[in-house]
Amino acid sequence: MSTDNPEDRGRTDRWQSLVAGAFHLDETLDSKEVPVDGPGAAAHALRYLESLLETFPSSVDPVEDFEGYAVRRMLLSLRRALVHQGGR
């Protein structure tokens, strides 16, 4: 994937979104204001997953964008696990 290709710009942005969101979640969980155990941490993780699901929408085509599709499936499974655990 080349960042010189305008069609790839959205793909580059979504990877940046993954990384930036991960750092933000880590910083939030490291802060003294958020309990690291219990529903507080899970709620923050769920919000992060929800924002990523907007970045990797249901319109991601597994034939044209398998990486994006794989990330979306992983996000859905993680969200389901957190909700099942009682995070929401």
C-alpha atoms as a PDB file:
ATOM      1  CA  MET A   1       0.000   0.000   0.000  1.00  0.00           C
ATOM      2  CA  SER A   2       1.450   3.303  -1.048  1.00  0.00           C
ATOM      3  CA  THR A   3       0.616   6.509   0.775  1.00  0.00           C
ATOM      4  CA  ASP A   4       1.079   8.301  -2.554  1.00  0.00           C
ATOM      5  CA  ASN A   5      -2.114   6.762  -3.905  1.00  0.00           C
ATOM      6  CA  PRO A   6      -5.174   8.840  -2.871  1.00  0.00           C
ATOM      7  CA  GLU A   7      -7.318   5.691  -2.796  1.00  0.00           C
ATOM      8  CA  ASP A   8      -5.064   4.270  -0.084  1.00  0.00           C
ATOM      9  CA  ARG A   9      -5.367   7.361   2.114  1.00  0.00           C
ATOM     10  CA  GLY A  10      -8.396   5.985   3.955  1.00  0.00           C
ATOM     11  CA  ARG A  11      -6.573   2.735   4.603  1.00  0.00           C
ATOM     12  CA  THR A  12      -3.569   4.586   6.029  1.00  0.00           C
ATOM     13  CA  ASP A  13      -5.822   6.711   8.232  1.00  0.00           C
ATOM     14  CA  ARG A  14      -7.534   3.688   9.730  1.00  0.00           C
ATOM     15  CA  TRP A  15      -4.217   2.132  10.785  1.00  0.00           C
ATOM     16  CA  GLN A  16      -3.307   5.432  12.404  1.00  0.00           C
ATOM     17  CA  SER A  17      -6.692   5.367  14.127  1.00  0.00           C
ATOM     18  CA  LEU A  18      -5.945   1.906  15.528  1.00  0.00           C
ATOM     19  CA  VAL A  19      -2.587   2.992  16.933  1.00  0.00           C
ATOM     20  CA  ALA A  20      -3.751   6.358  18.273  1.00  0.00           C
ATOM     21  CA  GLY A  21      -6.777   4.763  19.917  1.00  0.00           C
ATOM     22  CA  ALA A  22      -4.649   2.070  21.517  1.00  0.00           C
ATOM     23  CA  PHE A  23      -2.321   4.678  23.017  1.00  0.00           C
ATOM     24  CA  HIS A  24      -5.308   6.695  24.230  1.00  0.00           C
ATOM     25  CA  LEU A  25      -6.887   3.618  25.844  1.00  0.00           C
ATOM     26  CA  ASP A  26      -3.592   2.738  27.549  1.00  0.00           C
ATOM     27  CA  GLU A  27      -3.216   6.297  28.851  1.00  0.00           C
ATOM     28  CA  THR A  28      -6.795   6.277  30.124  1.00  0.00           C
ATOM     29  CA  LEU A  29      -6.321   2.975  31.909  1.00  0.00           C
ATOM     30  CA  ASP A  30      -3.012   4.164  33.390  1.00  0.00           C
ATOM     31  CA  SER A  31      -4.624   7.284  34.831  1.00  0.00           C
ATOM     32  CA  LYS A  32      -5.629   7.293  38.476  1.00  0.00           C
ATOM     33  CA  GLU A  33      -9.191   8.312  37.554  1.00  0.00           C
ATOM     34  CA  VAL A  34     -10.174   4.971  35.992  1.00  0.00           C
ATOM     35  CA  PRO A  35     -10.405   1.775  38.004  1.00  0.00           C
ATOM     36  CA  VAL A  36      -8.398  -0.883  36.127  1.00  0.00           C
ATOM     37  CA  ASP A  37     -10.559  -3.721  37.316  1.00  0.00           C
ATOM     38  CA  GLY A  38     -14.302  -3.925  37.042  1.00  0.00           C
ATOM     39  CA  PRO A  39     -16.648  -2.323  34.553  1.00  0.00           C
ATOM     40  CA  GLY A  40     -14.746   0.973  34.308  1.00  0.00           C
ATOM     41  CA  ALA A  41     -11.947  -0.435  32.187  1.00  0.00           C
ATOM     42  CA  ALA A  42     -14.314  -2.565  30.117  1.00  0.00           C
ATOM     43  CA  ALA A  43     -16.492   0.458  29.371  1.00  0.00           C
ATOM     44  CA  HIS A  44     -13.478   2.353  28.022  1.00  0.00           C
ATOM     45  CA  ALA A  45     -12.434  -0.642  25.942  1.00  0.00           C
ATOM     46  CA  LEU A  46     -15.953  -0.955  24.549  1.00  0.00           C
ATOM     47  CA  ARG A  47     -15.995   2.719  23.542  1.00  0.00           C
ATOM     48  CA  TYR A  48     -12.666   2.202  21.766  1.00  0.00           C
ATOM     49  CA  LEU A  49     -14.015  -0.841  19.931  1.00  0.00           C
ATOM     50  CA  GLU A  50     -17.160   1.051  18.919  1.00  0.00           C
ATOM     51  CA  SER A  51     -15.080   3.875  17.461  1.00  0.00           C
ATOM     52  CA  LEU A  52     -12.957   1.382  15.538  1.00  0.00           C
ATOM     53  CA  LEU A  53     -16.061  -0.301  14.174  1.00  0.00           C
ATOM     54  CA  GLU A  54     -16.907   3.058  12.599  1.00  0.00           C
ATOM     55  CA  THR A  55     -13.434   3.069  11.031  1.00  0.00           C
ATOM     56  CA  PHE A  56     -13.908  -0.525   9.834  1.00  0.00           C
ATOM     57  CA  PRO A  57     -17.626  -0.455   8.847  1.00  0.00           C
ATOM     58  CA  SER A  58     -19.807  -3.365   7.769  1.00  0.00           C
ATOM     59  CA  SER A  59     -19.265  -2.308   4.159  1.00  0.00           C
ATOM     60  CA  VAL A  60     -15.675  -3.621   4.282  1.00  0.00           C
ATOM     61  CA  ASP A  61     -15.505  -6.207   1.497  1.00  0.00           C
ATOM     62  CA  PRO A  62     -13.422  -9.277   2.405  1.00  0.00           C
ATOM     63  CA  VAL A  63     -12.522  -9.835  -1.251  1.00  0.00           C
ATOM     64  CA  GLU A  64     -11.207  -6.298  -1.819  1.00  0.00           C
ATOM     65  CA  ASP A  65      -9.881  -5.623   1.682  1.00  0.00           C
ATOM     66  CA  PHE A  66      -9.196  -8.794   3.614  1.00  0.00           C
ATOM     67  CA  GLU A  67      -7.059  -7.026   6.231  1.00  0.00           C
ATOM     68  CA  GLY A  68      -9.847  -4.565   7.026  1.00  0.00           C
ATOM     69  CA  TYR A  69     -12.374  -7.386   7.135  1.00  0.00           C
ATOM     70  CA  ALA A  70     -10.150  -9.392   9.494  1.00  0.00           C
ATOM     71  CA  VAL A  71      -9.787  -6.421  11.839  1.00  0.00           C
ATOM     72  CA  ARG A  72     -13.567  -5.855  11.792  1.00  0.00           C
ATOM     73  CA  ARG A  73     -14.256  -9.499  12.665  1.00  0.00           C
ATOM     74  CA  MET A  74     -11.731  -9.318  15.510  1.00  0.00           C
ATOM     75  CA  LEU A  75     -13.336  -6.107  16.830  1.00  0.00           C
ATOM     76  CA  LEU A  76     -16.800  -7.680  16.762  1.00  0.00           C
ATOM     77  CA  SER A  77     -15.553 -10.738  18.650  1.00  0.00           C
ATOM     78  CA  LEU A  78     -13.754  -8.651  21.265  1.00  0.00           C
ATOM     79  CA  ARG A  79     -16.829  -6.480  21.743  1.00  0.00           C
ATOM     80  CA  ARG A  80     -18.995  -9.567  22.157  1.00  0.00           C
ATOM     81  CA  ALA A  81     -16.580 -11.018  24.730  1.00  0.00           C
ATOM     82  CA  LEU A  82     -16.554  -7.793  26.762  1.00  0.00           C
ATOM     83  CA  VAL A  83     -20.335  -7.473  26.646  1.00  0.00           C
ATOM     84  CA  HIS A  84     -20.707 -11.138  27.588  1.00  0.00           C
ATOM     85  CA  GLN A  85     -18.335 -10.581  30.509  1.00  0.00           C
ATOM     86  CA  GLY A  86     -20.658  -7.838  31.714  1.00  0.00           C
ATOM     87  CA  GLY A  87     -18.834  -4.777  30.468  1.00  0.00           C
ATOM     88  CA  ARG A  88     -22.066  -3.221  29.258  1.00  0.00           C
END
